Each structure stands twice: as structure tokens, then as C-alpha cells.
């Protein structure tokens, strides 16, 4: 699942980023629809970092990140929302 999400983020960066432009990509996730609220804490993996950073969408967009895709996933009893950002 984790590899699938990272592969999707790489494909999205190529699709949105243009041919010659290198963009930084972040993949964030949180629980349910609350993950898309500006001040809700979400976990983000920026670039090829090994660990996640906890932040908010408000802080990311204020720092110059833009949201390119939001993918809700139902996994058993959990609703997880993945958010793909680019800078």
C-alpha cells in the first residue's frame, strides 16, 4: 500500500510538474474527512524522507505547497484520506 501511494505521488508529480521542472512532492494522510480540514494534524512524508512529519494543511499551504489530489480510502473500519501536495 505504501509503495502504491508513493508511486502514485511520483506519477502525479510527472503529470502535473511538466517535462523539465523538478518539483518536491509530499504525501500526507489522516483519518476520514477531518484530514482535509485546515487545522487538523496530518502525517506527511516529504520527498524521499524516511520518517513522517506531523503538520496541518494550513501550515503546508502557507509554506508554498499546493494540493493536487485527495484520495479517500476505506480500509476495514478505518477511513484514511491521502493528500498529495507539490511545491
N, C-alpha and C. Protein backbone atom coordinates (compact mmCIF):
# COMPACT_ATOMS: atom_id res chain seq x y z
N UNK A 1 0.82 -1.18 0.00
CA UNK A 1 0.00 0.00 0.00
C UNK A 1 0.87 1.25 0.00
N UNK A 2 1.91 1.25 0.85
CA UNK A 2 2.79 2.41 0.95
C UNK A 2 3.51 2.65 -0.38
N UNK A 3 3.97 1.57 -1.02
CA UNK A 3 4.66 1.72 -2.30
C UNK A 3 3.71 2.23 -3.37
N UNK A 4 2.47 1.76 -3.33
CA UNK A 4 1.47 2.20 -4.29
C UNK A 4 1.22 3.70 -4.15
N UNK A 5 1.13 4.18 -2.91
CA UNK A 5 0.89 5.60 -2.67
C UNK A 5 2.07 6.42 -3.16
N UNK A 6 3.30 5.98 -2.86
CA UNK A 6 4.47 6.73 -3.31
C UNK A 6 4.59 6.70 -4.84
N UNK A 7 4.27 5.58 -5.47
CA UNK A 7 4.31 5.50 -6.92
C UNK A 7 3.29 6.45 -7.53
N UNK A 8 2.11 6.52 -6.92
CA UNK A 8 1.09 7.44 -7.40
C UNK A 8 1.57 8.87 -7.28
N UNK A 9 2.22 9.20 -6.18
CA UNK A 9 2.74 10.56 -5.99
C UNK A 9 3.79 10.89 -7.03
N UNK A 10 4.62 9.95 -7.37
CA UNK A 10 5.64 10.18 -8.40
C UNK A 10 4.98 10.38 -9.75
N UNK A 11 3.97 9.57 -10.06
CA UNK A 11 3.26 9.74 -11.33
C UNK A 11 2.55 11.08 -11.38
N UNK A 12 1.94 11.49 -10.26
CA UNK A 12 1.27 12.78 -10.21
C UNK A 12 2.25 13.92 -10.40
N UNK A 13 3.44 13.79 -9.82
CA UNK A 13 4.41 14.86 -9.97
C UNK A 13 4.85 14.98 -11.43
N UNK A 14 4.94 13.87 -12.14
CA UNK A 14 5.27 13.92 -13.56
C UNK A 14 4.14 14.49 -14.38
N UNK A 15 2.91 14.13 -14.04
CA UNK A 15 1.76 14.60 -14.80
C UNK A 15 1.51 16.08 -14.59
N UNK A 16 1.70 16.58 -13.37
CA UNK A 16 1.43 17.98 -13.10
C UNK A 16 2.67 18.86 -13.21
N UNK A 17 3.83 18.26 -13.11
CA UNK A 17 5.04 19.05 -12.98
C UNK A 17 5.67 19.50 -14.28
N UNK A 18 5.25 19.02 -15.41
CA UNK A 18 5.89 19.39 -16.66
C UNK A 18 7.09 18.51 -16.94
N UNK A 19 7.70 18.72 -18.07
CA UNK A 19 8.79 17.85 -18.51
C UNK A 19 10.11 18.19 -17.83
N UNK A 20 10.49 19.45 -17.81
CA UNK A 20 11.81 19.82 -17.35
C UNK A 20 11.82 20.39 -15.93
N UNK A 21 10.69 20.47 -15.28
CA UNK A 21 10.62 21.09 -13.97
C UNK A 21 10.67 20.03 -12.87
N UNK A 22 11.59 20.21 -11.94
CA UNK A 22 11.67 19.29 -10.80
C UNK A 22 10.83 19.88 -9.68
N UNK A 23 9.91 19.10 -9.17
CA UNK A 23 9.03 19.55 -8.10
C UNK A 23 9.23 18.67 -6.87
N UNK A 24 9.04 19.26 -5.73
CA UNK A 24 9.09 18.50 -4.49
C UNK A 24 7.68 17.98 -4.21
N UNK A 25 7.57 16.71 -3.83
CA UNK A 25 6.27 16.07 -3.64
C UNK A 25 6.13 15.65 -2.18
N UNK A 26 4.93 15.81 -1.65
CA UNK A 26 4.62 15.35 -0.29
C UNK A 26 3.37 14.49 -0.35
N UNK A 27 3.37 13.42 0.42
CA UNK A 27 2.20 12.55 0.56
C UNK A 27 1.81 12.58 2.03
N UNK A 28 0.59 13.03 2.29
CA UNK A 28 0.11 13.14 3.67
C UNK A 28 -1.10 12.23 3.85
N UNK A 29 -1.34 11.85 5.10
CA UNK A 29 -2.54 11.06 5.38
C UNK A 29 -3.08 11.40 6.76
N UNK A 30 -4.40 11.25 6.84
CA UNK A 30 -5.09 11.48 8.10
C UNK A 30 -6.34 10.63 8.11
N UNK A 31 -7.14 10.77 9.15
CA UNK A 31 -8.31 9.92 9.30
C UNK A 31 -9.57 10.62 8.80
N UNK A 32 -10.26 9.97 7.88
CA UNK A 32 -11.55 10.42 7.38
C UNK A 32 -11.54 11.79 6.75
N UNK A 33 -12.70 12.41 6.72
CA UNK A 33 -12.84 13.73 6.10
C UNK A 33 -12.16 14.81 6.92
N UNK A 34 -11.86 14.52 8.18
CA UNK A 34 -11.21 15.51 9.03
C UNK A 34 -9.80 15.84 8.53
N UNK A 35 -9.19 14.95 7.79
CA UNK A 35 -7.84 15.18 7.28
C UNK A 35 -7.78 16.36 6.32
N UNK A 36 -8.91 16.71 5.70
CA UNK A 36 -8.92 17.81 4.74
C UNK A 36 -9.24 19.15 5.39
N UNK A 37 -9.48 19.17 6.68
CA UNK A 37 -9.71 20.43 7.37
C UNK A 37 -8.37 21.13 7.62
N UNK A 38 -8.32 22.44 7.47
CA UNK A 38 -7.04 23.17 7.51
C UNK A 38 -6.21 23.01 8.77
N UNK A 39 -6.83 22.89 9.93
CA UNK A 39 -6.07 22.87 11.18
C UNK A 39 -5.97 21.50 11.83
N UNK A 40 -6.41 20.45 11.13
CA UNK A 40 -6.30 19.09 11.64
C UNK A 40 -4.89 18.58 11.44
N UNK A 41 -4.32 17.95 12.46
CA UNK A 41 -2.97 17.38 12.34
C UNK A 41 -2.98 16.19 11.40
N UNK A 42 -2.07 16.19 10.43
CA UNK A 42 -1.91 15.08 9.50
C UNK A 42 -0.44 14.68 9.46
N UNK A 43 -0.16 13.47 9.02
CA UNK A 43 1.21 12.97 8.91
C UNK A 43 1.65 13.10 7.47
N UNK A 44 2.80 13.71 7.24
CA UNK A 44 3.30 13.94 5.89
C UNK A 44 4.69 13.37 5.69
N UNK A 45 4.89 12.78 4.54
CA UNK A 45 6.20 12.31 4.13
C UNK A 45 6.61 13.18 2.95
N UNK A 46 7.63 13.97 3.15
CA UNK A 46 8.05 14.94 2.14
C UNK A 46 9.25 14.40 1.40
N UNK A 47 9.12 14.34 0.07
CA UNK A 47 10.19 13.82 -0.76
C UNK A 47 10.48 12.37 -0.45
N UNK A 48 11.75 12.04 -0.33
CA UNK A 48 12.12 10.65 -0.04
C UNK A 48 12.57 10.48 1.42
N UNK A 49 12.05 11.32 2.30
CA UNK A 49 12.38 11.23 3.72
C UNK A 49 11.95 9.88 4.29
N UNK A 50 12.67 9.41 5.29
CA UNK A 50 12.36 8.12 5.90
C UNK A 50 11.25 8.20 6.95
N UNK A 51 11.03 9.39 7.51
CA UNK A 51 10.04 9.50 8.56
C UNK A 51 8.97 10.53 8.22
N UNK A 52 7.86 10.46 8.95
CA UNK A 52 6.74 11.36 8.73
C UNK A 52 6.87 12.58 9.64
N UNK A 53 6.35 13.69 9.15
CA UNK A 53 6.32 14.93 9.92
C UNK A 53 4.85 15.26 10.18
N UNK A 54 4.49 15.60 11.40
CA UNK A 54 3.12 15.95 11.69
C UNK A 54 2.94 17.45 11.50
N UNK A 55 1.94 17.82 10.71
CA UNK A 55 1.70 19.23 10.39
C UNK A 55 0.22 19.41 10.05
N UNK A 56 -0.14 20.57 9.54
CA UNK A 56 -1.52 20.84 9.12
C UNK A 56 -1.51 21.31 7.66
N UNK A 57 -2.66 21.21 7.00
CA UNK A 57 -2.75 21.71 5.63
C UNK A 57 -2.55 23.22 5.58
N UNK A 58 -3.00 23.91 6.63
CA UNK A 58 -2.80 25.35 6.68
C UNK A 58 -1.32 25.70 6.67
N UNK A 59 -0.53 25.02 7.48
CA UNK A 59 0.91 25.29 7.54
C UNK A 59 1.58 24.96 6.21
N UNK A 60 1.16 23.87 5.57
CA UNK A 60 1.76 23.48 4.29
C UNK A 60 1.45 24.48 3.19
N UNK A 61 0.19 24.90 3.08
CA UNK A 61 -0.16 25.85 2.02
C UNK A 61 0.46 27.21 2.30
N UNK A 62 0.59 27.57 3.54
CA UNK A 62 1.26 28.84 3.89
C UNK A 62 2.75 28.80 3.51
N UNK A 63 3.34 27.59 3.54
CA UNK A 63 4.75 27.41 3.18
C UNK A 63 4.94 27.23 1.67
N UNK A 64 3.87 27.34 0.89
CA UNK A 64 4.02 27.28 -0.57
C UNK A 64 3.63 25.97 -1.22
N UNK A 65 3.10 25.03 -0.46
CA UNK A 65 2.66 23.76 -1.02
C UNK A 65 1.27 23.93 -1.62
N UNK A 66 1.00 23.21 -2.70
CA UNK A 66 -0.33 23.22 -3.30
C UNK A 66 -0.86 21.79 -3.36
N UNK A 67 -2.16 21.66 -3.12
CA UNK A 67 -2.81 20.35 -3.11
C UNK A 67 -3.14 19.96 -4.54
N UNK A 68 -2.74 18.74 -4.93
CA UNK A 68 -3.00 18.27 -6.29
C UNK A 68 -4.01 17.14 -6.35
N UNK A 69 -4.14 16.38 -5.29
CA UNK A 69 -5.11 15.29 -5.30
C UNK A 69 -5.44 14.89 -3.87
N UNK A 70 -6.68 14.44 -3.68
CA UNK A 70 -7.14 13.92 -2.39
C UNK A 70 -7.80 12.58 -2.67
N UNK A 71 -7.35 11.55 -1.99
CA UNK A 71 -7.87 10.20 -2.22
C UNK A 71 -8.36 9.59 -0.91
N UNK A 72 -9.69 9.45 -0.75
CA UNK A 72 -10.19 8.75 0.44
C UNK A 72 -10.16 7.24 0.22
N UNK A 73 -9.75 6.50 1.23
CA UNK A 73 -9.67 5.03 1.14
C UNK A 73 -10.36 4.43 2.35
N UNK A 74 -11.24 3.48 2.10
CA UNK A 74 -11.92 2.75 3.17
C UNK A 74 -11.14 1.47 3.41
N UNK A 75 -10.60 1.31 4.61
CA UNK A 75 -9.81 0.14 4.95
C UNK A 75 -10.39 -0.50 6.20
N UNK A 76 -11.25 -1.50 6.01
CA UNK A 76 -11.90 -2.10 7.16
C UNK A 76 -12.81 -1.10 7.83
N UNK A 77 -12.56 -0.81 9.10
CA UNK A 77 -13.35 0.17 9.83
C UNK A 77 -12.76 1.57 9.74
N UNK A 78 -11.57 1.69 9.20
CA UNK A 78 -10.89 2.98 9.14
C UNK A 78 -11.14 3.67 7.80
N UNK A 79 -11.34 4.98 7.86
CA UNK A 79 -11.37 5.82 6.68
C UNK A 79 -10.09 6.64 6.69
N UNK A 80 -9.25 6.44 5.69
CA UNK A 80 -7.98 7.14 5.60
C UNK A 80 -8.02 8.03 4.37
N UNK A 81 -7.57 9.25 4.51
CA UNK A 81 -7.53 10.17 3.40
C UNK A 81 -6.08 10.50 3.08
N UNK A 82 -5.68 10.26 1.83
CA UNK A 82 -4.34 10.61 1.37
C UNK A 82 -4.42 11.93 0.61
N UNK A 83 -3.47 12.80 0.87
CA UNK A 83 -3.42 14.12 0.24
C UNK A 83 -2.06 14.25 -0.43
N UNK A 84 -2.07 14.56 -1.72
CA UNK A 84 -0.84 14.70 -2.49
C UNK A 84 -0.59 16.18 -2.73
N UNK A 85 0.59 16.65 -2.33
CA UNK A 85 0.94 18.06 -2.47
C UNK A 85 2.21 18.22 -3.28
N UNK A 86 2.39 19.41 -3.81
CA UNK A 86 3.57 19.71 -4.63
C UNK A 86 4.03 21.12 -4.33
N UNK A 87 5.34 21.31 -4.40
CA UNK A 87 5.93 22.63 -4.16
C UNK A 87 6.84 22.99 -5.30
